[in-house]
């Protein structure tokens, strides 16, 4: 058992003892009670030293744990709570505690239909009740980005269970580029979230590359229990190491991409790198910077680069520079067309 867990058991045991006002508690009594409590949890002898319990009492008295327990000594050997009704299990929440818990509950409730979080649903309810009782009606200080109307989230639970149980799925899917639905077998490996959207990553067949399916394009899901699941030693950290987003163009190798960022956006790109391979090459006198990435060119990377507008210039490779140039020229023609 971890030391933190041991300490928590001792604190609760001391608290329980001192709540019992019908008995006098010496330091030896508290040591014995803590030793018995640890034995009950661990199933083996675990003697607690005198110094350990003395330190526990000091910590419980202090602000460090947030208890501020009014533990006093009387008749030079007995311990008790000066406030007869005190207990460490009824410590009022601080404003910071309330804010953190409020935002945590808000975040977890987004996954209320996902069985992975079912075990904490009762805890969330109790937390909400506690927070409601403690706080006044104020605006949250953290705003979480979410899309309540995002399609496909109801498939999360079914897909999650299929991955755990290694079941082959029969998926009816309609991609953005297709005008018709298609049905195919799919071996699911992981669920991946990117840019507030969910994707299912896996293979259709052993001979085909690993691909991803957007959950909001899935029409229906069934199971093919006769088809053996394709065992795969899949490491997502390795697979997505050289890309941003979810699209990995199989067969392509990462290339050096060199970018010029203007002075206004340089601090943003410096403090929030576009990719973990980003390195600063040069700091120009006008405040602009040149950085390079070692990355595979994909759809998501293009969207990020285009999002900077005229604040970013692709210096190399030449083919990516030309592609960006063509896209901006087409965009300019579109605006000029409707003047």
C-alpha atoms as a PDB file:
ATOM      1  CA  UNK A   1       0.000   0.000   0.000  1.00  0.00           C
ATOM      2  CA  UNK A   2       1.319   3.457  -0.850  1.00  0.00           C
ATOM      3  CA  UNK A   3       2.520   5.802   1.877  1.00  0.00           C
ATOM      4  CA  UNK A   4      -0.174   8.317   0.938  1.00  0.00           C
ATOM      5  CA  UNK A   5      -2.855   5.663   1.417  1.00  0.00           C
ATOM      6  CA  UNK A   6      -1.341   4.630   4.759  1.00  0.00           C
ATOM      7  CA  UNK A   7      -1.340   8.247   5.930  1.00  0.00           C
ATOM      8  CA  UNK A   8      -4.974   8.758   4.907  1.00  0.00           C
ATOM      9  CA  UNK A   9      -6.002   5.657   6.868  1.00  0.00           C
ATOM     10  CA  UNK A  10      -4.157   6.962   9.946  1.00  0.00           C
ATOM     11  CA  UNK A  11      -5.788  10.406   9.678  1.00  0.00           C
ATOM     12  CA  UNK A  12      -9.250   8.870   9.420  1.00  0.00           C
ATOM     13  CA  UNK A  13      -8.526   6.531  12.329  1.00  0.00           C
ATOM     14  CA  UNK A  14      -7.317   9.334  14.587  1.00  0.00           C
ATOM     15  CA  UNK A  15     -10.346  11.388  13.581  1.00  0.00           C
ATOM     16  CA  UNK A  16     -12.707   8.525  14.404  1.00  0.00           C
ATOM     17  CA  UNK A  17     -11.074   8.024  17.795  1.00  0.00           C
ATOM     18  CA  UNK A  18     -11.235  11.681  18.780  1.00  0.00           C
ATOM     19  CA  UNK A  19     -14.911  11.863  17.787  1.00  0.00           C
ATOM     20  CA  UNK A  20     -15.602   9.268  20.476  1.00  0.00           C
ATOM     21  CA  UNK A  21     -15.984  11.511  23.534  1.00  0.00           C
ATOM     22  CA  UNK A  22     -16.903   8.634  25.828  1.00  0.00           C
ATOM     23  CA  UNK A  23     -13.324   7.446  26.023  1.00  0.00           C
ATOM     24  CA  UNK A  24     -10.024   9.081  26.875  1.00  0.00           C
ATOM     25  CA  UNK A  25      -7.336   8.722  24.242  1.00  0.00           C
ATOM     26  CA  UNK A  26      -3.630   8.597  25.040  1.00  0.00           C
ATOM     27  CA  UNK A  27      -0.942   8.670  22.364  1.00  0.00           C
ATOM     28  CA  UNK A  28      -0.425   4.927  22.870  1.00  0.00           C
ATOM     29  CA  UNK A  29      -4.157   4.354  22.318  1.00  0.00           C
ATOM     30  CA  UNK A  30      -4.033   6.259  19.011  1.00  0.00           C
ATOM     31  CA  UNK A  31      -0.910   4.324  17.912  1.00  0.00           C
ATOM     32  CA  UNK A  32      -2.657   1.015  18.657  1.00  0.00           C
ATOM     33  CA  UNK A  33      -5.809   2.093  16.803  1.00  0.00           C
ATOM     34  CA  UNK A  34      -3.797   3.138  13.713  1.00  0.00           C
ATOM     35  CA  UNK A  35      -1.856  -0.154  13.729  1.00  0.00           C
ATOM     36  CA  UNK A  36      -5.105  -2.144  13.928  1.00  0.00           C
ATOM     37  CA  UNK A  37      -6.670  -0.119  11.096  1.00  0.00           C
ATOM     38  CA  UNK A  38      -3.695  -0.722   8.809  1.00  0.00           C
ATOM     39  CA  UNK A  39      -3.747  -4.432   9.687  1.00  0.00           C
ATOM     40  CA  UNK A  40      -7.422  -4.557   8.720  1.00  0.00           C
ATOM     41  CA  UNK A  41      -6.718  -2.981   5.323  1.00  0.00           C
ATOM     42  CA  UNK A  42      -3.464  -4.815   4.515  1.00  0.00           C
ATOM     43  CA  UNK A  43      -4.000  -8.144   6.271  1.00  0.00           C
ATOM     44  CA  UNK A  44      -0.545  -8.068   7.875  1.00  0.00           C
ATOM     45  CA  UNK A  45       1.169  -6.582  10.886  1.00  0.00           C
ATOM     46  CA  UNK A  46       2.041  -2.954  10.322  1.00  0.00           C
ATOM     47  CA  UNK A  47       3.179  -1.302  13.543  1.00  0.00           C
ATOM     48  CA  UNK A  48       3.035   2.468  13.594  1.00  0.00           C
ATOM     49  CA  UNK A  49       5.762   4.399  15.379  1.00  0.00           C
ATOM     50  CA  UNK A  50       5.164   6.995  18.061  1.00  0.00           C
ATOM     51  CA  UNK A  51       6.866   9.666  15.944  1.00  0.00           C
ATOM     52  CA  UNK A  52       4.604   8.875  12.954  1.00  0.00           C
ATOM     53  CA  UNK A  53       1.408   9.461  14.925  1.00  0.00           C
ATOM     54  CA  UNK A  54       2.851  12.611  16.506  1.00  0.00           C
ATOM     55  CA  UNK A  55       3.636  13.947  13.036  1.00  0.00           C
ATOM     56  CA  UNK A  56       0.139  12.975  11.861  1.00  0.00           C
ATOM     57  CA  UNK A  57      -1.416  14.994  14.679  1.00  0.00           C
ATOM     58  CA  UNK A  58       0.756  17.996  13.827  1.00  0.00           C
ATOM     59  CA  UNK A  59      -0.257  17.788  10.155  1.00  0.00           C
ATOM     60  CA  UNK A  60      -3.932  17.445  11.046  1.00  0.00           C
ATOM     61  CA  UNK A  61      -3.645  20.569  13.204  1.00  0.00           C
ATOM     62  CA  UNK A  62      -1.969  22.572  10.427  1.00  0.00           C
ATOM     63  CA  UNK A  63      -3.334  24.213   7.285  1.00  0.00           C
ATOM     64  CA  UNK A  64      -1.185  21.998   5.060  1.00  0.00           C
ATOM     65  CA  UNK A  65      -3.895  19.346   4.683  1.00  0.00           C
ATOM     66  CA  UNK A  66      -6.716  21.842   4.989  1.00  0.00           C
ATOM     67  CA  UNK A  67      -7.964  20.152   8.193  1.00  0.00           C
ATOM     68  CA  UNK A  68      -6.995  22.754  10.837  1.00  0.00           C
ATOM     69  CA  UNK A  69      -8.081  20.131  13.352  1.00  0.00           C
ATOM     70  CA  UNK A  70      -8.538  21.586  16.885  1.00  0.00           C
ATOM     71  CA  UNK A  71      -6.661  18.735  18.614  1.00  0.00           C
ATOM     72  CA  UNK A  72      -5.711  19.576  22.194  1.00  0.00           C
ATOM     73  CA  UNK A  73      -4.010  17.736  25.046  1.00  0.00           C
ATOM     74  CA  UNK A  74      -5.540  17.739  28.519  1.00  0.00           C
ATOM     75  CA  UNK A  75      -4.263  16.329  31.814  1.00  0.00           C
ATOM     76  CA  UNK A  76      -0.884  16.244  30.010  1.00  0.00           C
ATOM     77  CA  UNK A  77      -1.599  12.930  28.271  1.00  0.00           C
ATOM     78  CA  UNK A  78      -5.085  12.711  26.770  1.00  0.00           C
ATOM     79  CA  UNK A  79      -6.035  13.903  23.275  1.00  0.00           C
ATOM     80  CA  UNK A  80      -9.390  15.251  22.142  1.00  0.00           C
ATOM     81  CA  UNK A  81     -11.082  17.715  19.766  1.00  0.00           C
ATOM     82  CA  UNK A  82     -11.620  21.073  21.433  1.00  0.00           C
ATOM     83  CA  UNK A  83     -14.726  21.401  19.264  1.00  0.00           C
ATOM     84  CA  UNK A  84     -16.861  18.378  20.140  1.00  0.00           C
ATOM     85  CA  UNK A  85     -18.596  18.376  16.750  1.00  0.00           C
ATOM     86  CA  UNK A  86     -15.427  18.562  14.617  1.00  0.00           C
ATOM     87  CA  UNK A  87     -14.478  15.917  12.048  1.00  0.00           C
ATOM     88  CA  UNK A  88     -12.044  16.029   9.135  1.00  0.00           C
ATOM     89  CA  UNK A  89     -14.702  14.453   6.902  1.00  0.00           C
ATOM     90  CA  UNK A  90     -16.812  17.595   7.093  1.00  0.00           C
ATOM     91  CA  UNK A  91     -14.272  20.245   6.120  1.00  0.00           C
ATOM     92  CA  UNK A  92     -15.913  23.098   4.148  1.00  0.00           C
ATOM     93  CA  UNK A  93     -14.708  23.495   0.583  1.00  0.00           C
ATOM     94  CA  UNK A  94     -12.583  26.505  -0.262  1.00  0.00           C
ATOM     95  CA  UNK A  95     -13.477  28.720  -3.215  1.00  0.00           C
ATOM     96  CA  UNK A  96     -10.601  27.197  -5.193  1.00  0.00           C
ATOM     97  CA  UNK A  97     -11.835  23.676  -4.361  1.00  0.00           C
ATOM     98  CA  UNK A  98     -15.329  24.560  -5.567  1.00  0.00           C
ATOM     99  CA  UNK A  99     -14.079  26.049  -8.854  1.00  0.00           C
ATOM    100  CA  UNK A 100     -11.862  23.049  -9.600  1.00  0.00           C
ATOM    101  CA  UNK A 101     -14.595  20.544  -8.745  1.00  0.00           C
ATOM    102  CA  UNK A 102     -17.188  22.425 -10.777  1.00  0.00           C
ATOM    103  CA  UNK A 103     -15.054  22.356 -13.915  1.00  0.00           C
ATOM    104  CA  UNK A 104     -14.041  18.725 -13.351  1.00  0.00           C
ATOM    105  CA  UNK A 105     -17.671  17.634 -13.000  1.00  0.00           C
ATOM    106  CA  UNK A 106     -18.577  19.618 -16.117  1.00  0.00           C
ATOM    107  CA  UNK A 107     -15.833  17.893 -18.114  1.00  0.00           C
ATOM    108  CA  UNK A 108     -16.655  14.366 -16.932  1.00  0.00           C
ATOM    109  CA  UNK A 109     -20.388  14.793 -17.563  1.00  0.00           C
ATOM    110  CA  UNK A 110     -19.637  15.117 -21.287  1.00  0.00           C
ATOM    111  CA  UNK A 111     -18.970  11.356 -21.187  1.00  0.00           C
ATOM    112  CA  UNK A 112     -22.079  10.430 -19.205  1.00  0.00           C
ATOM    113  CA  UNK A 113     -23.059   7.735 -21.734  1.00  0.00           C
ATOM    114  CA  UNK A 114     -19.598   6.167 -21.909  1.00  0.00           C
ATOM    115  CA  UNK A 115     -19.343   3.091 -19.625  1.00  0.00           C
ATOM    116  CA  UNK A 116     -15.712   3.884 -18.894  1.00  0.00           C
ATOM    117  CA  UNK A 117     -17.077   6.657 -16.659  1.00  0.00           C
ATOM    118  CA  UNK A 118     -20.099   4.805 -15.265  1.00  0.00           C
ATOM    119  CA  UNK A 119     -18.263   3.975 -12.061  1.00  0.00           C
ATOM    120  CA  UNK A 120     -17.903   7.667 -11.226  1.00  0.00           C
ATOM    121  CA  UNK A 121     -21.503   8.676 -11.983  1.00  0.00           C
ATOM    122  CA  UNK A 122     -22.589   8.369  -8.349  1.00  0.00           C
ATOM    123  CA  UNK A 123     -19.514  10.284  -7.257  1.00  0.00           C
ATOM    124  CA  UNK A 124     -20.347  13.048  -9.711  1.00  0.00           C
ATOM    125  CA  UNK A 125     -23.862  13.283  -8.321  1.00  0.00           C
ATOM    126  CA  UNK A 126     -22.569  13.611  -4.770  1.00  0.00           C
ATOM    127  CA  UNK A 127     -19.995  16.171  -5.867  1.00  0.00           C
ATOM    128  CA  UNK A 128     -22.692  18.213  -7.578  1.00  0.00           C
ATOM    129  CA  UNK A 129     -24.813  18.124  -4.428  1.00  0.00           C
ATOM    130  CA  UNK A 130     -21.840  19.181  -2.314  1.00  0.00           C
ATOM    131  CA  UNK A 131     -20.869  21.963  -4.698  1.00  0.00           C
ATOM    132  CA  UNK A 132     -24.433  23.243  -4.924  1.00  0.00           C
ATOM    133  CA  UNK A 133     -24.640  23.392  -1.143  1.00  0.00           C
ATOM    134  CA  UNK A 134     -21.327  25.244  -0.860  1.00  0.00           C
ATOM    135  CA  UNK A 135     -21.277  27.717  -3.700  1.00  0.00           C
ATOM    136  CA  UNK A 136     -23.243  30.732  -4.767  1.00  0.00           C
ATOM    137  CA  UNK A 137     -24.500  30.960  -8.334  1.00  0.00           C
ATOM    138  CA  UNK A 138     -21.494  32.361 -10.192  1.00  0.00           C
ATOM    139  CA  UNK A 139     -20.179  32.080 -13.716  1.00  0.00           C
ATOM    140  CA  UNK A 140     -17.554  29.321 -14.246  1.00  0.00           C
ATOM    141  CA  UNK A 141     -13.980  30.538 -14.565  1.00  0.00           C
ATOM    142  CA  UNK A 142     -13.064  27.828 -17.093  1.00  0.00           C
ATOM    143  CA  UNK A 143     -15.002  27.336 -20.314  1.00  0.00           C
ATOM    144  CA  UNK A 144     -14.617  23.922 -21.916  1.00  0.00           C
ATOM    145  CA  UNK A 145     -14.977  23.665 -25.678  1.00  0.00           C
ATOM    146  CA  UNK A 146     -17.617  21.086 -26.557  1.00  0.00           C
ATOM    147  CA  UNK A 147     -20.140  20.347 -29.253  1.00  0.00           C
ATOM    148  CA  UNK A 148     -23.402  19.023 -27.815  1.00  0.00           C
ATOM    149  CA  UNK A 149     -24.747  18.216 -31.295  1.00  0.00           C
ATOM    150  CA  UNK A 150     -21.740  16.272 -32.568  1.00  0.00           C
ATOM    151  CA  UNK A 151     -22.976  13.154 -34.361  1.00  0.00           C
ATOM    152  CA  UNK A 152     -21.728   9.650 -33.677  1.00  0.00           C
ATOM    153  CA  UNK A 153     -20.969  10.004 -29.972  1.00  0.00           C
ATOM    154  CA  UNK A 154     -23.588   7.362 -29.150  1.00  0.00           C
ATOM    155  CA  UNK A 155     -21.308   4.823 -30.876  1.00  0.00           C
ATOM    156  CA  UNK A 156     -18.481   5.444 -28.367  1.00  0.00           C
ATOM    157  CA  UNK A 157     -19.688   2.853 -25.877  1.00  0.00           C
ATOM    158  CA  UNK A 158     -20.315   0.122 -28.468  1.00  0.00           C
ATOM    159  CA  UNK A 159     -16.946   0.668 -30.159  1.00  0.00           C
ATOM    160  CA  UNK A 160     -15.127   0.801 -26.841  1.00  0.00           C
ATOM    161  CA  UNK A 161     -16.557  -2.581 -25.844  1.00  0.00           C
ATOM    162  CA  UNK A 162     -15.693  -4.062 -29.256  1.00  0.00           C
ATOM    163  CA  UNK A 163     -12.063  -2.988 -28.873  1.00  0.00           C
ATOM    164  CA  UNK A 164     -11.830  -4.430 -25.359  1.00  0.00           C
ATOM    165  CA  UNK A 165     -13.470  -7.726 -26.436  1.00  0.00           C
ATOM    166  CA  UNK A 166     -11.581  -7.811 -29.770  1.00  0.00           C
ATOM    167  CA  UNK A 167     -14.700  -8.089 -31.904  1.00  0.00           C
ATOM    168  CA  UNK A 168     -14.782  -7.398 -35.640  1.00  0.00           C
ATOM    169  CA  UNK A 169     -17.284  -4.689 -36.510  1.00  0.00           C
ATOM    170  CA  UNK A 170     -19.552  -4.434 -39.537  1.00  0.00           C
ATOM    171  CA  UNK A 171     -19.748  -0.724 -40.237  1.00  0.00           C
ATOM    172  CA  UNK A 172     -22.072   1.156 -42.553  1.00  0.00           C
ATOM    173  CA  UNK A 173     -20.213   4.318 -43.458  1.00  0.00           C
ATOM    174  CA  UNK A 174     -20.635   7.353 -45.670  1.00  0.00           C
ATOM    175  CA  UNK A 175     -17.488   9.410 -46.162  1.00  0.00           C
ATOM    176  CA  UNK A 176     -17.500  13.102 -46.957  1.00  0.00           C
ATOM    177  CA  UNK A 177     -16.460  12.384 -50.548  1.00  0.00           C
ATOM    178  CA  UNK A 178     -18.913   9.555 -51.181  1.00  0.00           C
ATOM    179  CA  UNK A 179     -22.529   9.941 -52.316  1.00  0.00           C
ATOM    180  CA  UNK A 180     -23.480   6.439 -51.176  1.00  0.00           C
ATOM    181  CA  UNK A 181     -23.193   4.407 -48.000  1.00  0.00           C
ATOM    182  CA  UNK A 182     -20.768   1.481 -47.871  1.00  0.00           C
ATOM    183  CA  UNK A 183     -20.724  -1.560 -45.602  1.00  0.00           C
ATOM    184  CA  UNK A 184     -17.481  -3.302 -44.636  1.00  0.00           C
ATOM    185  CA  UNK A 185     -15.765  -5.299 -41.881  1.00  0.00           C
ATOM    186  CA  UNK A 186     -13.487  -3.322 -39.604  1.00  0.00           C
ATOM    187  CA  UNK A 187     -10.955  -4.420 -36.977  1.00  0.00           C
ATOM    188  CA  UNK A 188     -10.967  -1.655 -34.329  1.00  0.00           C
ATOM    189  CA  UNK A 189      -7.698  -0.788 -32.515  1.00  0.00           C
ATOM    190  CA  UNK A 190      -8.256   2.487 -30.659  1.00  0.00           C
ATOM    191  CA  UNK A 191     -10.562   5.484 -30.319  1.00  0.00           C
ATOM    192  CA  UNK A 192      -8.826   8.801 -30.948  1.00  0.00           C
ATOM    193  CA  UNK A 193      -9.989  12.352 -30.255  1.00  0.00           C
ATOM    194  CA  UNK A 194      -8.670  15.314 -32.245  1.00  0.00           C
ATOM    195  CA  UNK A 195      -9.958  18.868 -32.491  1.00  0.00           C
ATOM    196  CA  UNK A 196     -13.116  17.982 -30.547  1.00  0.00           C
ATOM    197  CA  UNK A 197     -13.969  15.125 -32.941  1.00  0.00           C
ATOM    198  CA  UNK A 198     -13.745  11.350 -32.411  1.00  0.00           C
ATOM    199  CA  UNK A 199     -12.217   8.791 -34.769  1.00  0.00           C
ATOM    200  CA  UNK A 200     -12.042   5.012 -34.863  1.00  0.00           C
ATOM    201  CA  UNK A 201      -8.620   3.696 -35.880  1.00  0.00           C
ATOM    202  CA  UNK A 202      -8.090   0.190 -37.262  1.00  0.00           C
ATOM    203  CA  UNK A 203      -7.907  -1.955 -40.411  1.00  0.00           C
ATOM    204  CA  UNK A 204     -10.432  -3.310 -42.869  1.00  0.00           C
ATOM    205  CA  UNK A 205      -8.172  -6.234 -43.796  1.00  0.00           C
ATOM    206  CA  UNK A 206      -4.728  -7.412 -42.822  1.00  0.00           C
ATOM    207  CA  UNK A 207      -3.410  -6.472 -46.244  1.00  0.00           C
ATOM    208  CA  UNK A 208      -4.768  -2.920 -46.070  1.00  0.00           C
ATOM    209  CA  UNK A 209      -3.179   0.026 -44.255  1.00  0.00           C
ATOM    210  CA  UNK A 210      -4.301   1.327 -40.879  1.00  0.00           C
ATOM    211  CA  UNK A 211      -7.002   3.933 -41.397  1.00  0.00           C
ATOM    212  CA  UNK A 212      -9.395   6.080 -39.401  1.00  0.00           C
ATOM    213  CA  UNK A 213     -13.160   6.520 -39.562  1.00  0.00           C
ATOM    214  CA  UNK A 214     -14.905   9.662 -38.326  1.00  0.00           C
ATOM    215  CA  UNK A 215     -17.620   8.685 -35.865  1.00  0.00           C
ATOM    216  CA  UNK A 216     -19.952  11.346 -37.242  1.00  0.00           C
ATOM    217  CA  UNK A 217     -19.896   9.576 -40.641  1.00  0.00           C
ATOM    218  CA  UNK A 218     -20.826   6.147 -39.244  1.00  0.00           C
ATOM    219  CA  UNK A 219     -24.423   5.218 -40.082  1.00  0.00           C
ATOM    220  CA  UNK A 220     -24.699   1.952 -38.157  1.00  0.00           C
ATOM    221  CA  UNK A 221     -22.641  -0.712 -36.382  1.00  0.00           C
ATOM    222  CA  UNK A 222     -23.057  -4.498 -36.216  1.00  0.00           C
ATOM    223  CA  UNK A 223     -20.762  -7.434 -35.379  1.00  0.00           C
ATOM    224  CA  UNK A 224     -19.123 -10.157 -37.453  1.00  0.00           C
ATOM    225  CA  UNK A 225     -18.556 -12.845 -34.831  1.00  0.00           C
ATOM    226  CA  UNK A 226     -17.418 -15.425 -37.415  1.00  0.00           C
ATOM    227  CA  UNK A 227     -14.419 -13.429 -38.618  1.00  0.00           C
ATOM    228  CA  UNK A 228     -11.252 -13.779 -36.473  1.00  0.00           C
ATOM    229  CA  UNK A 229     -10.061 -10.497 -34.986  1.00  0.00           C
ATOM    230  CA  UNK A 230      -6.864  -9.193 -36.528  1.00  0.00           C
ATOM    231  CA  UNK A 231      -4.340  -9.165 -33.702  1.00  0.00           C
ATOM    232  CA  UNK A 232      -2.185  -6.064 -33.999  1.00  0.00           C
ATOM    233  CA  UNK A 233       0.702  -4.780 -31.914  1.00  0.00           C
ATOM    234  CA  UNK A 234      -0.463  -1.217 -32.436  1.00  0.00           C
ATOM    235  CA  UNK A 235       1.311   1.637 -30.647  1.00  0.00           C
ATOM    236  CA  UNK A 236      -0.551   4.938 -31.218  1.00  0.00           C
ATOM    237  CA  UNK A 237       2.323   7.059 -29.891  1.00  0.00           C
ATOM    238  CA  UNK A 238       4.644   5.586 -32.507  1.00  0.00           C
ATOM    239  CA  UNK A 239       2.037   5.583 -35.280  1.00  0.00           C
ATOM    240  CA  UNK A 240       1.151   9.282 -34.838  1.00  0.00           C
ATOM    241  CA  UNK A 241       4.638  10.467 -33.921  1.00  0.00           C
ATOM    242  CA  UNK A 242       5.318  12.252 -37.215  1.00  0.00           C
ATOM    243  CA  UNK A 243       1.910  13.807 -37.917  1.00  0.00           C
ATOM    244  CA  UNK A 244      -0.563  16.285 -36.542  1.00  0.00           C
ATOM    245  CA  UNK A 245      -4.162  15.101 -36.421  1.00  0.00           C
ATOM    246  CA  UNK A 246      -5.331  11.622 -37.388  1.00  0.00           C
ATOM    247  CA  UNK A 247      -4.354  11.177 -41.042  1.00  0.00           C
ATOM    248  CA  UNK A 248      -1.227   9.075 -41.603  1.00  0.00           C
ATOM    249  CA  UNK A 249      -0.357   8.729 -45.275  1.00  0.00           C
ATOM    250  CA  UNK A 250       1.136   5.243 -45.327  1.00  0.00           C
ATOM    251  CA  UNK A 251       4.416   5.001 -47.218  1.00  0.00           C
ATOM    252  CA  UNK A 252       5.277   8.677 -46.832  1.00  0.00           C
ATOM    253  CA  UNK A 253       8.341   9.611 -44.820  1.00  0.00           C
ATOM    254  CA  UNK A 254       8.600  12.712 -42.611  1.00  0.00           C
ATOM    255  CA  UNK A 255      10.191  15.688 -44.372  1.00  0.00           C
ATOM    256  CA  UNK A 256      11.719  18.935 -43.228  1.00  0.00           C
ATOM    257  CA  UNK A 257       9.205  21.795 -43.561  1.00  0.00           C
ATOM    258  CA  UNK A 258      10.529  25.337 -43.092  1.00  0.00           C
ATOM    259  CA  UNK A 259       8.168  28.145 -42.108  1.00  0.00           C
ATOM    260  CA  UNK A 260       8.435  31.915 -41.718  1.00  0.00           C
ATOM    261  CA  UNK A 261       6.158  33.275 -38.975  1.00  0.00           C
ATOM    262  CA  UNK A 262       5.522  37.028 -38.688  1.00  0.00           C
ATOM    263  CA  UNK A 263       6.295  39.001 -35.518  1.00  0.00           C
ATOM    264  CA  UNK A 264       2.703  39.030 -34.245  1.00  0.00           C
ATOM    265  CA  UNK A 265       2.365  35.249 -34.317  1.00  0.00           C
ATOM    266  CA  UNK A 266       5.952  34.331 -33.449  1.00  0.00           C
ATOM    267  CA  UNK A 267       5.322  34.261 -29.661  1.00  0.00           C
ATOM    268  CA  UNK A 268       2.263  32.042 -30.191  1.00  0.00           C
ATOM    269  CA  UNK A 269       4.140  29.506 -32.312  1.00  0.00           C
ATOM    270  CA  UNK A 270       7.138  29.595 -29.969  1.00  0.00           C
ATOM    271  CA  UNK A 271       5.119  28.890 -26.841  1.00  0.00           C
ATOM    272  CA  UNK A 272       2.692  26.492 -28.538  1.00  0.00           C
ATOM    273  CA  UNK A 273       4.684  24.505 -31.145  1.00  0.00           C
ATOM    274  CA  UNK A 274       2.828  23.249 -34.215  1.00  0.00           C
ATOM    275  CA  UNK A 275       4.423  19.823 -33.669  1.00  0.00           C
ATOM    276  CA  UNK A 276       6.838  18.337 -31.142  1.00  0.00           C
ATOM    277  CA  UNK A 277       9.549  18.256 -33.838  1.00  0.00           C
ATOM    278  CA  UNK A 278       9.457  22.071 -34.182  1.00  0.00           C
ATOM    279  CA  UNK A 279      12.846  23.782 -33.846  1.00  0.00           C
ATOM    280  CA  UNK A 280      13.725  27.474 -34.013  1.00  0.00           C
ATOM    281  CA  UNK A 281      16.185  28.217 -36.838  1.00  0.00           C
ATOM    282  CA  UNK A 282      16.391  31.984 -36.834  1.00  0.00           C
ATOM    283  CA  UNK A 283      15.085  35.046 -34.997  1.00  0.00           C
ATOM    284  CA  UNK A 284      14.877  37.974 -37.436  1.00  0.00           C
ATOM    285  CA  UNK A 285      15.409  41.623 -36.530  1.00  0.00           C
ATOM    286  CA  UNK A 286      11.762  42.488 -37.306  1.00  0.00           C
ATOM    287  CA  UNK A 287      10.578  39.956 -34.708  1.00  0.00           C
ATOM    288  CA  UNK A 288       9.612  37.258 -37.193  1.00  0.00           C
ATOM    289  CA  UNK A 289      11.045  33.769 -36.841  1.00  0.00           C
ATOM    290  CA  UNK A 290      11.950  30.824 -39.032  1.00  0.00           C
ATOM    291  CA  UNK A 291      11.172  27.356 -37.700  1.00  0.00           C
ATOM    292  CA  UNK A 292      11.352  23.904 -39.154  1.00  0.00           C
ATOM    293  CA  UNK A 293       9.228  20.829 -38.584  1.00  0.00           C
ATOM    294  CA  UNK A 294      10.157  17.234 -39.324  1.00  0.00           C
ATOM    295  CA  UNK A 295       6.754  15.889 -40.227  1.00  0.00           C
ATOM    296  CA  UNK A 296       4.565  14.043 -42.741  1.00  0.00           C
ATOM    297  CA  UNK A 297       2.430  16.284 -44.921  1.00  0.00           C
ATOM    298  CA  UNK A 298      -1.276  15.579 -44.385  1.00  0.00           C
ATOM    299  CA  UNK A 299      -4.697  17.238 -44.554  1.00  0.00           C
ATOM    300  CA  UNK A 300      -4.636  18.444 -40.944  1.00  0.00           C
ATOM    301  CA  UNK A 301      -1.227  20.105 -41.361  1.00  0.00           C
ATOM    302  CA  UNK A 302      -2.501  22.030 -44.379  1.00  0.00           C
ATOM    303  CA  UNK A 303      -5.511  23.255 -42.406  1.00  0.00           C
ATOM    304  CA  UNK A 304      -3.271  24.481 -39.578  1.00  0.00           C
ATOM    305  CA  UNK A 305      -0.912  26.312 -41.944  1.00  0.00           C
ATOM    306  CA  UNK A 306      -3.772  27.876 -43.896  1.00  0.00           C
ATOM    307  CA  UNK A 307      -5.312  29.021 -40.649  1.00  0.00           C
ATOM    308  CA  UNK A 308      -2.479  31.522 -40.188  1.00  0.00           C
ATOM    309  CA  UNK A 309      -3.456  33.323 -43.388  1.00  0.00           C
ATOM    310  CA  UNK A 310      -0.834  35.885 -44.437  1.00  0.00           C
ATOM    311  CA  UNK A 311       0.980  35.535 -41.081  1.00  0.00           C
ATOM    312  CA  UNK A 312       2.833  32.421 -42.240  1.00  0.00           C
ATOM    313  CA  UNK A 313       4.919  31.589 -45.302  1.00  0.00           C
ATOM    314  CA  UNK A 314       6.048  28.103 -46.307  1.00  0.00           C
ATOM    315  CA  UNK A 315       9.688  28.430 -47.401  1.00  0.00           C
ATOM    316  CA  UNK A 316      10.262  24.778 -48.236  1.00  0.00           C
ATOM    317  CA  UNK A 317       9.688  22.153 -49.540  1.00  0.00           C
ATOM    318  CA  UNK A 318       8.851  23.681 -52.886  1.00  0.00           C
ATOM    319  CA  UNK A 319       5.857  21.437 -53.633  1.00  0.00           C
ATOM    320  CA  UNK A 320       4.115  22.419 -50.375  1.00  0.00           C
ATOM    321  CA  UNK A 321       4.973  26.077 -50.987  1.00  0.00           C
ATOM    322  CA  UNK A 322       3.390  25.897 -54.465  1.00  0.00           C
ATOM    323  CA  UNK A 323       0.311  24.135 -53.128  1.00  0.00           C
ATOM    324  CA  UNK A 324      -0.235  26.845 -50.516  1.00  0.00           C
ATOM    325  CA  UNK A 325       0.280  29.493 -53.187  1.00  0.00           C
ATOM    326  CA  UNK A 326      -2.350  27.918 -55.481  1.00  0.00           C
ATOM    327  CA  UNK A 327      -4.862  27.655 -52.635  1.00  0.00           C
ATOM    328  CA  UNK A 328      -4.449  31.335 -51.715  1.00  0.00           C
ATOM    329  CA  UNK A 329      -4.698  32.396 -55.366  1.00  0.00           C
ATOM    330  CA  UNK A 330      -7.957  30.450 -55.761  1.00  0.00           C
ATOM    331  CA  UNK A 331      -9.242  32.042 -52.588  1.00  0.00           C
ATOM    332  CA  UNK A 332      -8.392  35.506 -53.885  1.00  0.00           C
ATOM    333  CA  UNK A 333     -10.232  34.791 -57.160  1.00  0.00           C
ATOM    334  CA  UNK A 334     -13.283  33.689 -55.209  1.00  0.00           C
ATOM    335  CA  UNK A 335     -13.369  36.996 -53.306  1.00  0.00           C
ATOM    336  CA  UNK A 336     -12.742  39.086 -56.414  1.00  0.00           C
ATOM    337  CA  UNK A 337     -15.460  37.240 -58.343  1.00  0.00           C
ATOM    338  CA  UNK A 338     -18.211  38.532 -56.048  1.00  0.00           C
ATOM    339  CA  UNK A 339     -17.159  42.165 -55.708  1.00  0.00           C
END
